[in-house]
Amino acid sequence: MKKIILTALVAVASLTANAQVWLGGDIAFGTKKLVSGGDNLTTFTLAPQVGYMFSEKFGLGLDLKLGLRNDAAATIAATNALNGLSVDPADYAKTTFGFDVFARYVFAKTGIASFFFDGGVGFTTYKDCGSRIGVGIQPGVKFAASEKVDVVAKMGYLGWHKYLGDKSTKGSAFGVGIEESVLSLGVSYNF
């Protein structure tokens, strides 16, 4: 029994020898022209993040996402939904809240740059118009500004989403770049 416990402790110690906790977040901004209105839909998302790197290649993290959208475009999109058009709830929700649980895999490192994929599952709720669950992969790059501070950029998205709401927003989507914002920038602090 003592050998098993000692072996488990050595295994945990070796896994956490290079471990690193990070705190940070992303800011994302996006705009798109609505199909049957003249206005643009403008989105702003703030996403605080915490994560834990088990090694130089693998880590786990959690994003909390808070989003805001402009009122004029939201009103036009809501009118489209009332007229029977199928509408993404992200097009007419004024505020959103969500979270993503993800695994980070660093596949290349050169100098101060590390290239990674974040893959995971997420849930977003849209005020007064339903919610969405999804799974996907997002590529990114991290630049070491100093020993403790990293600048992070993520671009694009490959995944699947299922919308849960009234009949105008029910459905699912699969594709590349199906997130509200295709580019996000952030900073993280490493402990």
N, C-alpha and C. Protein backbone atom coordinates (compact mmCIF):
# COMPACT_ATOMS: atom_id res chain seq x y z
N MET A 1 0.82 -1.20 0.00
CA MET A 1 0.00 0.00 0.00
C MET A 1 0.87 1.26 0.00
N LYS A 2 1.95 1.24 0.79
CA LYS A 2 2.83 2.40 0.86
C LYS A 2 3.48 2.66 -0.50
N LYS A 3 3.83 1.57 -1.23
CA LYS A 3 4.45 1.73 -2.54
C LYS A 3 3.47 2.36 -3.54
N ILE A 4 2.20 2.00 -3.46
CA ILE A 4 1.20 2.57 -4.37
C ILE A 4 1.02 4.05 -4.10
N ILE A 5 0.93 4.42 -2.82
CA ILE A 5 0.77 5.83 -2.45
C ILE A 5 2.00 6.63 -2.87
N LEU A 6 3.18 6.07 -2.61
CA LEU A 6 4.42 6.75 -2.99
C LEU A 6 4.52 6.91 -4.51
N THR A 7 4.14 5.89 -5.26
CA THR A 7 4.15 5.96 -6.72
C THR A 7 3.16 7.02 -7.22
N ALA A 8 1.99 7.09 -6.61
CA ALA A 8 1.00 8.10 -6.99
C ALA A 8 1.52 9.51 -6.70
N LEU A 9 2.16 9.70 -5.54
CA LEU A 9 2.71 11.01 -5.21
C LEU A 9 3.82 11.42 -6.18
N VAL A 10 4.67 10.48 -6.55
CA VAL A 10 5.74 10.77 -7.52
C VAL A 10 5.13 11.13 -8.88
N ALA A 11 4.07 10.42 -9.28
CA ALA A 11 3.41 10.71 -10.57
C ALA A 11 2.80 12.11 -10.57
N VAL A 12 2.11 12.46 -9.48
CA VAL A 12 1.51 13.79 -9.37
C VAL A 12 2.59 14.86 -9.34
N ALA A 13 3.65 14.63 -8.61
CA ALA A 13 4.75 15.60 -8.54
C ALA A 13 5.40 15.80 -9.90
N SER A 14 5.58 14.73 -10.66
CA SER A 14 6.19 14.87 -11.98
C SER A 14 5.27 15.59 -12.95
N LEU A 15 3.96 15.38 -12.83
CA LEU A 15 3.00 16.09 -13.69
C LEU A 15 2.95 17.58 -13.37
N THR A 16 3.08 17.92 -12.10
CA THR A 16 2.94 19.32 -11.70
C THR A 16 4.28 20.04 -11.56
N ALA A 17 5.40 19.37 -11.87
CA ALA A 17 6.71 20.02 -11.75
C ALA A 17 6.81 21.24 -12.66
N ASN A 18 6.26 21.13 -13.86
CA ASN A 18 6.28 22.25 -14.81
C ASN A 18 4.94 22.97 -14.87
N ALA A 19 4.09 22.74 -13.90
CA ALA A 19 2.74 23.30 -13.94
C ALA A 19 2.78 24.82 -13.80
N GLN A 20 1.78 25.44 -14.41
CA GLN A 20 1.72 26.89 -14.41
C GLN A 20 0.26 27.33 -14.44
N VAL A 21 -0.11 28.19 -13.51
CA VAL A 21 -1.46 28.74 -13.47
C VAL A 21 -1.43 30.07 -14.21
N TRP A 22 -2.48 30.32 -15.01
CA TRP A 22 -2.58 31.64 -15.65
C TRP A 22 -3.94 32.25 -15.38
N LEU A 23 -3.93 33.56 -15.24
CA LEU A 23 -5.14 34.38 -15.12
C LEU A 23 -5.08 35.42 -16.23
N GLY A 24 -6.18 35.65 -16.85
CA GLY A 24 -6.16 36.63 -17.93
C GLY A 24 -7.54 36.83 -18.49
N GLY A 25 -7.57 37.13 -19.76
CA GLY A 25 -8.84 37.31 -20.41
C GLY A 25 -8.69 37.82 -21.82
N ASP A 26 -9.80 37.77 -22.55
CA ASP A 26 -9.85 38.21 -23.93
C ASP A 26 -10.87 39.33 -24.07
N ILE A 27 -10.63 40.18 -25.02
CA ILE A 27 -11.60 41.18 -25.45
C ILE A 27 -11.85 40.91 -26.92
N ALA A 28 -13.11 40.79 -27.30
CA ALA A 28 -13.46 40.53 -28.70
C ALA A 28 -14.44 41.58 -29.18
N PHE A 29 -14.31 41.95 -30.43
CA PHE A 29 -15.18 42.94 -31.05
C PHE A 29 -15.55 42.42 -32.42
N GLY A 30 -16.81 42.55 -32.79
CA GLY A 30 -17.24 42.10 -34.11
C GLY A 30 -18.37 42.95 -34.64
N THR A 31 -18.50 42.98 -35.95
CA THR A 31 -19.60 43.68 -36.58
C THR A 31 -19.99 42.94 -37.84
N LYS A 32 -21.29 42.88 -38.12
CA LYS A 32 -21.76 42.26 -39.36
C LYS A 32 -23.05 42.93 -39.79
N LYS A 33 -23.28 42.94 -41.09
CA LYS A 33 -24.47 43.54 -41.67
C LYS A 33 -25.60 42.54 -41.57
N LEU A 34 -26.74 42.98 -41.04
CA LEU A 34 -27.90 42.12 -40.95
C LEU A 34 -28.55 41.98 -42.32
N VAL A 35 -29.11 40.82 -42.61
CA VAL A 35 -29.63 40.49 -43.93
C VAL A 35 -30.71 41.46 -44.39
N SER A 36 -31.73 41.69 -43.60
CA SER A 36 -32.85 42.50 -44.10
C SER A 36 -33.02 43.80 -43.33
N GLY A 37 -31.97 44.36 -42.86
CA GLY A 37 -32.01 45.66 -42.22
C GLY A 37 -30.83 46.45 -42.71
N GLY A 38 -30.84 47.72 -42.57
CA GLY A 38 -29.73 48.52 -43.04
C GLY A 38 -28.61 48.63 -42.03
N ASP A 39 -28.88 48.27 -40.78
CA ASP A 39 -27.91 48.49 -39.71
C ASP A 39 -26.93 47.33 -39.58
N ASN A 40 -25.85 47.62 -38.90
CA ASN A 40 -24.87 46.60 -38.56
C ASN A 40 -25.14 46.11 -37.15
N LEU A 41 -24.84 44.84 -36.93
CA LEU A 41 -24.88 44.28 -35.58
C LEU A 41 -23.47 44.40 -35.02
N THR A 42 -23.31 45.11 -33.94
CA THR A 42 -22.00 45.31 -33.32
C THR A 42 -21.99 44.56 -31.99
N THR A 43 -20.95 43.76 -31.78
CA THR A 43 -20.84 42.99 -30.55
C THR A 43 -19.53 43.32 -29.84
N PHE A 44 -19.57 43.25 -28.54
CA PHE A 44 -18.39 43.43 -27.69
C PHE A 44 -18.45 42.35 -26.62
N THR A 45 -17.37 41.59 -26.48
CA THR A 45 -17.34 40.51 -25.50
C THR A 45 -16.11 40.64 -24.61
N LEU A 46 -16.31 40.49 -23.32
CA LEU A 46 -15.25 40.46 -22.33
C LEU A 46 -15.25 39.06 -21.74
N ALA A 47 -14.08 38.40 -21.74
CA ALA A 47 -14.02 37.01 -21.29
C ALA A 47 -12.85 36.79 -20.33
N PRO A 48 -13.09 36.94 -19.01
CA PRO A 48 -12.04 36.58 -18.05
C PRO A 48 -11.75 35.08 -18.13
N GLN A 49 -10.50 34.72 -17.85
CA GLN A 49 -10.08 33.34 -18.06
C GLN A 49 -9.12 32.90 -16.96
N VAL A 50 -9.23 31.64 -16.57
CA VAL A 50 -8.28 31.03 -15.66
C VAL A 50 -7.89 29.67 -16.24
N GLY A 51 -6.63 29.30 -16.08
CA GLY A 51 -6.19 28.02 -16.63
C GLY A 51 -5.01 27.46 -15.87
N TYR A 52 -4.71 26.21 -16.19
CA TYR A 52 -3.64 25.48 -15.51
C TYR A 52 -2.91 24.64 -16.54
N MET A 53 -1.63 24.93 -16.77
CA MET A 53 -0.81 24.14 -17.69
C MET A 53 -0.14 23.02 -16.90
N PHE A 54 -0.46 21.78 -17.29
CA PHE A 54 0.14 20.62 -16.62
C PHE A 54 1.56 20.38 -17.10
N SER A 55 1.84 20.77 -18.33
CA SER A 55 3.17 20.64 -18.91
C SER A 55 3.33 21.75 -19.93
N GLU A 56 4.42 21.75 -20.68
CA GLU A 56 4.61 22.78 -21.70
C GLU A 56 3.64 22.60 -22.86
N LYS A 57 3.04 21.42 -23.00
CA LYS A 57 2.17 21.13 -24.14
C LYS A 57 0.68 21.09 -23.82
N PHE A 58 0.29 20.80 -22.58
CA PHE A 58 -1.12 20.52 -22.28
C PHE A 58 -1.61 21.28 -21.06
N GLY A 59 -2.82 21.86 -21.18
CA GLY A 59 -3.43 22.57 -20.06
C GLY A 59 -4.94 22.54 -20.13
N LEU A 60 -5.59 22.98 -19.06
CA LEU A 60 -7.06 23.10 -19.00
C LEU A 60 -7.42 24.52 -18.59
N GLY A 61 -8.57 25.00 -19.08
CA GLY A 61 -8.95 26.36 -18.75
C GLY A 61 -10.45 26.56 -18.71
N LEU A 62 -10.86 27.72 -18.20
CA LEU A 62 -12.27 28.11 -18.10
C LEU A 62 -12.38 29.58 -18.49
N ASP A 63 -13.29 29.87 -19.43
CA ASP A 63 -13.62 31.24 -19.86
C ASP A 63 -15.00 31.59 -19.35
N LEU A 64 -15.20 32.78 -18.84
CA LEU A 64 -16.53 33.33 -18.59
C LEU A 64 -16.72 34.43 -19.62
N LYS A 65 -17.84 34.44 -20.33
CA LYS A 65 -18.04 35.41 -21.41
C LYS A 65 -19.23 36.31 -21.11
N LEU A 66 -18.98 37.61 -21.16
CA LEU A 66 -20.02 38.61 -20.98
C LEU A 66 -20.08 39.43 -22.26
N GLY A 67 -21.24 39.49 -22.90
CA GLY A 67 -21.34 40.17 -24.18
C GLY A 67 -22.42 41.23 -24.22
N LEU A 68 -22.19 42.26 -25.03
CA LEU A 68 -23.14 43.35 -25.25
C LEU A 68 -23.31 43.55 -26.74
N ARG A 69 -24.53 43.91 -27.16
CA ARG A 69 -24.83 44.19 -28.56
C ARG A 69 -25.58 45.50 -28.66
N ASN A 70 -25.47 46.16 -29.82
CA ASN A 70 -26.16 47.44 -29.99
C ASN A 70 -27.67 47.25 -30.12
N ASP A 71 -28.43 48.21 -29.60
CA ASP A 71 -29.89 48.12 -29.55
C ASP A 71 -30.57 48.19 -30.91
N ALA A 72 -30.11 49.07 -31.81
CA ALA A 72 -30.81 49.26 -33.09
C ALA A 72 -30.80 47.98 -33.91
N ALA A 73 -29.66 47.35 -34.03
CA ALA A 73 -29.57 46.12 -34.81
C ALA A 73 -30.33 45.00 -34.12
N ALA A 74 -30.31 44.97 -32.79
CA ALA A 74 -31.04 43.94 -32.06
C ALA A 74 -32.53 44.07 -32.31
N THR A 75 -33.04 45.29 -32.40
CA THR A 75 -34.46 45.50 -32.66
C THR A 75 -34.85 45.02 -34.06
N ILE A 76 -34.01 45.30 -35.05
CA ILE A 76 -34.27 44.85 -36.42
C ILE A 76 -34.27 43.32 -36.48
N ALA A 77 -33.29 42.69 -35.85
CA ALA A 77 -33.22 41.23 -35.88
C ALA A 77 -34.41 40.62 -35.15
N ALA A 78 -34.85 41.22 -34.05
CA ALA A 78 -36.02 40.70 -33.33
C ALA A 78 -37.26 40.80 -34.20
N THR A 79 -37.40 41.90 -34.97
CA THR A 79 -38.52 42.05 -35.90
C THR A 79 -38.48 40.96 -36.96
N ASN A 80 -37.29 40.66 -37.47
CA ASN A 80 -37.14 39.58 -38.45
C ASN A 80 -37.61 38.25 -37.87
N ALA A 81 -37.27 37.99 -36.61
CA ALA A 81 -37.69 36.74 -35.97
C ALA A 81 -39.20 36.69 -35.83
N LEU A 82 -39.82 37.81 -35.48
CA LEU A 82 -41.28 37.85 -35.36
C LEU A 82 -41.97 37.64 -36.70
N ASN A 83 -41.31 38.01 -37.79
CA ASN A 83 -41.87 37.82 -39.12
C ASN A 83 -41.63 36.42 -39.67
N GLY A 84 -41.13 35.52 -38.83
CA GLY A 84 -40.97 34.13 -39.23
C GLY A 84 -39.64 33.77 -39.84
N LEU A 85 -38.70 34.71 -39.86
CA LEU A 85 -37.39 34.38 -40.40
C LEU A 85 -36.57 33.66 -39.33
N SER A 86 -35.81 32.67 -39.73
CA SER A 86 -34.94 31.97 -38.79
C SER A 86 -33.75 32.87 -38.48
N VAL A 87 -33.52 33.12 -37.20
CA VAL A 87 -32.50 34.09 -36.79
C VAL A 87 -31.61 33.46 -35.73
N ASP A 88 -30.31 33.70 -35.85
CA ASP A 88 -29.36 33.31 -34.81
C ASP A 88 -29.66 34.16 -33.58
N PRO A 89 -29.85 33.56 -32.39
CA PRO A 89 -30.16 34.37 -31.22
C PRO A 89 -29.07 35.40 -30.92
N ALA A 90 -27.85 35.14 -31.35
CA ALA A 90 -26.78 36.12 -31.13
C ALA A 90 -27.06 37.41 -31.89
N ASP A 91 -27.91 37.36 -32.92
CA ASP A 91 -28.20 38.56 -33.70
C ASP A 91 -29.13 39.53 -32.98
N TYR A 92 -29.93 39.06 -32.03
CA TYR A 92 -30.85 40.00 -31.41
C TYR A 92 -30.86 40.02 -29.90
N ALA A 93 -29.97 39.29 -29.28
CA ALA A 93 -29.85 39.39 -27.82
C ALA A 93 -29.03 40.62 -27.49
N LYS A 94 -29.49 41.41 -26.54
CA LYS A 94 -28.75 42.62 -26.17
C LYS A 94 -27.61 42.30 -25.21
N THR A 95 -27.80 41.30 -24.36
CA THR A 95 -26.74 40.88 -23.46
C THR A 95 -26.64 39.36 -23.47
N THR A 96 -25.43 38.87 -23.24
CA THR A 96 -25.20 37.43 -23.20
C THR A 96 -24.31 37.10 -22.01
N PHE A 97 -24.42 35.87 -21.57
CA PHE A 97 -23.52 35.33 -20.55
C PHE A 97 -23.23 33.89 -20.92
N GLY A 98 -21.98 33.48 -20.79
CA GLY A 98 -21.64 32.10 -21.12
C GLY A 98 -20.34 31.68 -20.49
N PHE A 99 -20.03 30.42 -20.69
CA PHE A 99 -18.74 29.90 -20.23
C PHE A 99 -18.28 28.81 -21.18
N ASP A 100 -16.97 28.63 -21.26
CA ASP A 100 -16.34 27.57 -22.03
C ASP A 100 -15.36 26.85 -21.13
N VAL A 101 -15.38 25.54 -21.17
CA VAL A 101 -14.38 24.71 -20.52
C VAL A 101 -13.55 24.12 -21.65
N PHE A 102 -12.23 24.30 -21.60
CA PHE A 102 -11.43 23.89 -22.75
C PHE A 102 -10.11 23.26 -22.33
N ALA A 103 -9.55 22.48 -23.26
CA ALA A 103 -8.20 21.93 -23.13
C ALA A 103 -7.32 22.70 -24.12
N ARG A 104 -6.14 23.05 -23.70
CA ARG A 104 -5.19 23.75 -24.58
C ARG A 104 -4.05 22.81 -24.92
N TYR A 105 -3.79 22.69 -26.23
CA TYR A 105 -2.67 21.88 -26.70
C TYR A 105 -1.71 22.78 -27.47
N VAL A 106 -0.48 22.91 -26.99
CA VAL A 106 0.55 23.71 -27.66
C VAL A 106 1.27 22.78 -28.63
N PHE A 107 1.12 23.07 -29.94
CA PHE A 107 1.69 22.17 -30.94
C PHE A 107 3.02 22.66 -31.51
N ALA A 108 3.38 23.91 -31.29
CA ALA A 108 4.67 24.42 -31.78
C ALA A 108 5.10 25.60 -30.92
N LYS A 109 6.41 25.71 -30.76
CA LYS A 109 6.97 26.82 -29.99
C LYS A 109 8.26 27.25 -30.69
N THR A 110 8.37 28.55 -30.93
CA THR A 110 9.57 29.09 -31.55
C THR A 110 9.86 30.45 -30.94
N GLY A 111 11.00 30.59 -30.31
CA GLY A 111 11.35 31.85 -29.66
C GLY A 111 10.33 32.23 -28.60
N ILE A 112 9.74 33.42 -28.74
CA ILE A 112 8.76 33.88 -27.76
C ILE A 112 7.33 33.50 -28.14
N ALA A 113 7.13 32.86 -29.29
CA ALA A 113 5.78 32.51 -29.76
C ALA A 113 5.47 31.04 -29.52
N SER A 114 4.24 30.79 -29.04
CA SER A 114 3.72 29.44 -28.88
C SER A 114 2.40 29.36 -29.65
N PHE A 115 2.24 28.34 -30.48
CA PHE A 115 1.02 28.14 -31.26
C PHE A 115 0.21 27.03 -30.63
N PHE A 116 -1.10 27.24 -30.46
CA PHE A 116 -1.91 26.29 -29.72
C PHE A 116 -3.29 26.14 -30.33
N PHE A 117 -3.99 25.10 -29.88
CA PHE A 117 -5.41 24.90 -30.16
C PHE A 117 -6.13 24.83 -28.81
N ASP A 118 -7.23 25.57 -28.67
CA ASP A 118 -8.14 25.42 -27.53
C ASP A 118 -9.34 24.66 -28.04
N GLY A 119 -9.64 23.54 -27.43
CA GLY A 119 -10.80 22.75 -27.82
C GLY A 119 -11.64 22.44 -26.60
N GLY A 120 -12.97 22.62 -26.73
CA GLY A 120 -13.79 22.36 -25.57
C GLY A 120 -15.27 22.51 -25.83
N VAL A 121 -16.00 22.64 -24.74
CA VAL A 121 -17.45 22.77 -24.79
C VAL A 121 -17.85 24.07 -24.13
N GLY A 122 -18.99 24.61 -24.57
CA GLY A 122 -19.43 25.88 -24.01
C GLY A 122 -20.94 26.01 -23.97
N PHE A 123 -21.39 26.95 -23.17
CA PHE A 123 -22.80 27.25 -23.03
C PHE A 123 -22.95 28.77 -23.00
N THR A 124 -23.90 29.29 -23.76
CA THR A 124 -24.18 30.73 -23.78
C THR A 124 -25.67 30.93 -23.63
N THR A 125 -26.06 31.88 -22.79
CA THR A 125 -27.47 32.22 -22.67
C THR A 125 -27.67 33.64 -23.19
N TYR A 126 -28.72 33.83 -23.99
CA TYR A 126 -29.04 35.11 -24.59
C TYR A 126 -30.26 35.67 -23.87
N LYS A 127 -30.15 36.86 -23.31
CA LYS A 127 -31.24 37.44 -22.54
C LYS A 127 -32.52 37.49 -23.36
N ASP A 128 -33.58 36.91 -22.82
CA ASP A 128 -34.92 36.92 -23.40
C ASP A 128 -35.08 36.14 -24.70
N CYS A 129 -34.09 35.34 -25.12
CA CYS A 129 -34.29 34.64 -26.40
C CYS A 129 -33.57 33.31 -26.51
N GLY A 130 -33.32 32.61 -25.42
CA GLY A 130 -32.80 31.26 -25.52
C GLY A 130 -31.34 31.13 -25.15
N SER A 131 -30.77 30.01 -25.58
CA SER A 131 -29.39 29.70 -25.25
C SER A 131 -28.78 28.83 -26.34
N ARG A 132 -27.50 28.54 -26.17
CA ARG A 132 -26.77 27.76 -27.15
C ARG A 132 -25.74 26.90 -26.44
N ILE A 133 -25.59 25.66 -26.87
CA ILE A 133 -24.51 24.80 -26.40
C ILE A 133 -23.64 24.48 -27.62
N GLY A 134 -22.39 24.19 -27.38
CA GLY A 134 -21.54 23.91 -28.52
C GLY A 134 -20.24 23.24 -28.15
N VAL A 135 -19.57 22.76 -29.17
CA VAL A 135 -18.25 22.14 -29.02
C VAL A 135 -17.42 22.59 -30.22
N GLY A 136 -16.14 22.88 -29.99
CA GLY A 136 -15.33 23.34 -31.10
C GLY A 136 -13.86 23.50 -30.76
N ILE A 137 -13.11 23.91 -31.79
CA ILE A 137 -11.67 24.11 -31.69
C ILE A 137 -11.35 25.51 -32.19
N GLN A 138 -10.46 26.21 -31.47
CA GLN A 138 -10.05 27.54 -31.87
C GLN A 138 -8.53 27.62 -31.82
N PRO A 139 -7.88 27.99 -32.94
CA PRO A 139 -6.42 28.15 -32.95
C PRO A 139 -6.01 29.49 -32.35
N GLY A 140 -4.79 29.53 -31.83
CA GLY A 140 -4.30 30.77 -31.26
C GLY A 140 -2.79 30.82 -31.21
N VAL A 141 -2.29 31.98 -30.88
CA VAL A 141 -0.86 32.18 -30.71
C VAL A 141 -0.64 33.00 -29.44
N LYS A 142 0.41 32.65 -28.72
CA LYS A 142 0.73 33.33 -27.46
C LYS A 142 2.16 33.86 -27.57
N PHE A 143 2.34 35.15 -27.29
CA PHE A 143 3.66 35.78 -27.31
C PHE A 143 4.07 36.11 -25.88
N ALA A 144 5.25 35.66 -25.47
CA ALA A 144 5.76 35.94 -24.13
C ALA A 144 6.31 37.36 -24.10
N ALA A 145 5.55 38.29 -23.50
CA ALA A 145 6.00 39.68 -23.37
C ALA A 145 7.07 39.78 -22.28
N SER A 146 6.96 38.93 -21.27
CA SER A 146 7.96 38.84 -20.20
C SER A 146 7.85 37.43 -19.62
N GLU A 147 8.57 37.20 -18.55
CA GLU A 147 8.52 35.87 -17.92
C GLU A 147 7.13 35.56 -17.38
N LYS A 148 6.40 36.58 -16.94
CA LYS A 148 5.09 36.39 -16.30
C LYS A 148 3.90 36.81 -17.16
N VAL A 149 4.11 37.61 -18.21
CA VAL A 149 3.00 38.17 -18.98
C VAL A 149 3.04 37.66 -20.42
N ASP A 150 1.88 37.20 -20.92
CA ASP A 150 1.73 36.75 -22.30
C ASP A 150 0.65 37.57 -22.99
N VAL A 151 0.86 37.81 -24.27
CA VAL A 151 -0.18 38.42 -25.12
C VAL A 151 -0.72 37.29 -25.99
N VAL A 152 -2.05 37.15 -26.00
CA VAL A 152 -2.68 36.01 -26.66
C VAL A 152 -3.64 36.50 -27.74
N ALA A 153 -3.60 35.88 -28.90
CA ALA A 153 -4.54 36.17 -29.98
C ALA A 153 -5.15 34.86 -30.46
N LYS A 154 -6.47 34.85 -30.64
CA LYS A 154 -7.18 33.68 -31.17
C LYS A 154 -7.96 34.14 -32.40
N MET A 155 -7.93 33.31 -33.45
CA MET A 155 -8.62 33.70 -34.66
C MET A 155 -9.30 32.49 -35.28
N GLY A 156 -10.56 32.67 -35.66
CA GLY A 156 -11.29 31.59 -36.30
C GLY A 156 -11.90 30.64 -35.30
N TYR A 157 -12.66 29.69 -35.83
CA TYR A 157 -13.35 28.72 -34.98
C TYR A 157 -13.89 27.61 -35.87
N LEU A 158 -13.74 26.38 -35.45
CA LEU A 158 -14.33 25.24 -36.14
C LEU A 158 -15.15 24.50 -35.11
N GLY A 159 -16.46 24.38 -35.35
CA GLY A 159 -17.26 23.72 -34.34
C GLY A 159 -18.71 23.53 -34.71
N TRP A 160 -19.46 23.06 -33.73
CA TRP A 160 -20.88 22.77 -33.87
C TRP A 160 -21.61 23.45 -32.72
N HIS A 161 -22.76 24.07 -33.02
CA HIS A 161 -23.60 24.71 -32.00
C HIS A 161 -25.03 24.24 -32.15
N LYS A 162 -25.71 24.10 -31.04
CA LYS A 162 -27.14 23.80 -31.03
C LYS A 162 -27.83 24.93 -30.29
N TYR A 163 -28.82 25.54 -30.96
CA TYR A 163 -29.58 26.63 -30.36
C TYR A 163 -30.80 26.07 -29.64
N LEU A 164 -31.05 26.57 -28.45
CA LEU A 164 -32.19 26.15 -27.65
C LEU A 164 -33.01 27.39 -27.35
N GLY A 165 -34.21 27.46 -27.86
CA GLY A 165 -35.03 28.64 -27.64
C GLY A 165 -36.39 28.46 -28.28
N ASP A 166 -37.01 29.59 -28.67
CA ASP A 166 -38.29 29.48 -29.33
C ASP A 166 -38.10 28.91 -30.74
N LYS A 167 -39.19 28.67 -31.46
CA LYS A 167 -39.07 27.97 -32.74
C LYS A 167 -38.29 28.74 -33.80
N SER A 168 -38.19 30.05 -33.68
CA SER A 168 -37.42 30.81 -34.67
C SER A 168 -35.92 30.68 -34.46
N THR A 169 -35.49 30.26 -33.26
CA THR A 169 -34.06 30.16 -33.01
C THR A 169 -33.60 28.73 -32.79
N LYS A 170 -34.48 27.76 -32.80
CA LYS A 170 -34.04 26.38 -32.62
C LYS A 170 -33.30 25.93 -33.87
N GLY A 171 -32.35 25.04 -33.69
CA GLY A 171 -31.59 24.52 -34.81
C GLY A 171 -30.15 24.33 -34.40
N SER A 172 -29.33 23.98 -35.37
CA SER A 172 -27.92 23.79 -35.08
C SER A 172 -27.10 24.33 -36.25
N ALA A 173 -25.82 24.51 -36.00
CA ALA A 173 -24.91 25.02 -37.02
C ALA A 173 -23.58 24.32 -36.89
N PHE A 174 -22.95 24.04 -38.02
CA PHE A 174 -21.60 23.48 -38.05
C PHE A 174 -20.81 24.28 -39.06
N GLY A 175 -19.60 24.65 -38.72
CA GLY A 175 -18.82 25.38 -39.71
C GLY A 175 -17.57 26.00 -39.15
N VAL A 176 -16.94 26.76 -40.00
CA VAL A 176 -15.72 27.49 -39.65
C VAL A 176 -16.11 28.94 -39.39
N GLY A 177 -15.67 29.51 -38.28
CA GLY A 177 -15.93 30.90 -37.98
C GLY A 177 -17.37 31.18 -37.60
N ILE A 178 -18.04 30.23 -36.90
CA ILE A 178 -19.44 30.43 -36.54
C ILE A 178 -19.61 31.18 -35.23
N GLU A 179 -18.53 31.56 -34.61
CA GLU A 179 -18.61 32.37 -33.40
C GLU A 179 -19.01 33.80 -33.75
N GLU A 180 -19.50 34.56 -32.78
CA GLU A 180 -19.86 35.95 -33.01
C GLU A 180 -18.62 36.76 -33.41
N SER A 181 -17.50 36.49 -32.80
CA SER A 181 -16.28 37.23 -33.09
C SER A 181 -15.24 36.25 -33.57
N VAL A 182 -14.59 36.58 -34.67
CA VAL A 182 -13.61 35.65 -35.21
C VAL A 182 -12.22 35.95 -34.68
N LEU A 183 -12.00 37.14 -34.14
CA LEU A 183 -10.69 37.51 -33.61
C LEU A 183 -10.85 38.01 -32.18
N SER A 184 -10.02 37.47 -31.28
CA SER A 184 -10.00 37.98 -29.92
C SER A 184 -8.56 38.19 -29.48
N LEU A 185 -8.34 39.22 -28.70
CA LEU A 185 -7.03 39.55 -28.18
C LEU A 185 -7.10 39.54 -26.66
N GLY A 186 -6.02 39.09 -26.04
CA GLY A 186 -6.02 39.04 -24.59
C GLY A 186 -4.64 39.09 -24.00
N VAL A 187 -4.59 39.18 -22.69
CA VAL A 187 -3.36 39.19 -21.92
C VAL A 187 -3.53 38.19 -20.79
N SER A 188 -2.48 37.46 -20.47
CA SER A 188 -2.56 36.56 -19.32
C SER A 188 -1.33 36.75 -18.44
N TYR A 189 -1.54 36.54 -17.16
CA TYR A 189 -0.48 36.62 -16.17
C TYR A 189 -0.22 35.21 -15.63
N ASN A 190 1.03 34.78 -15.67
CA ASN A 190 1.42 33.44 -15.25
C ASN A 190 2.01 33.45 -13.84
N PHE A 191 1.50 32.55 -13.01
CA PHE A 191 2.02 32.44 -11.64
C PHE A 191 3.10 31.39 -11.57
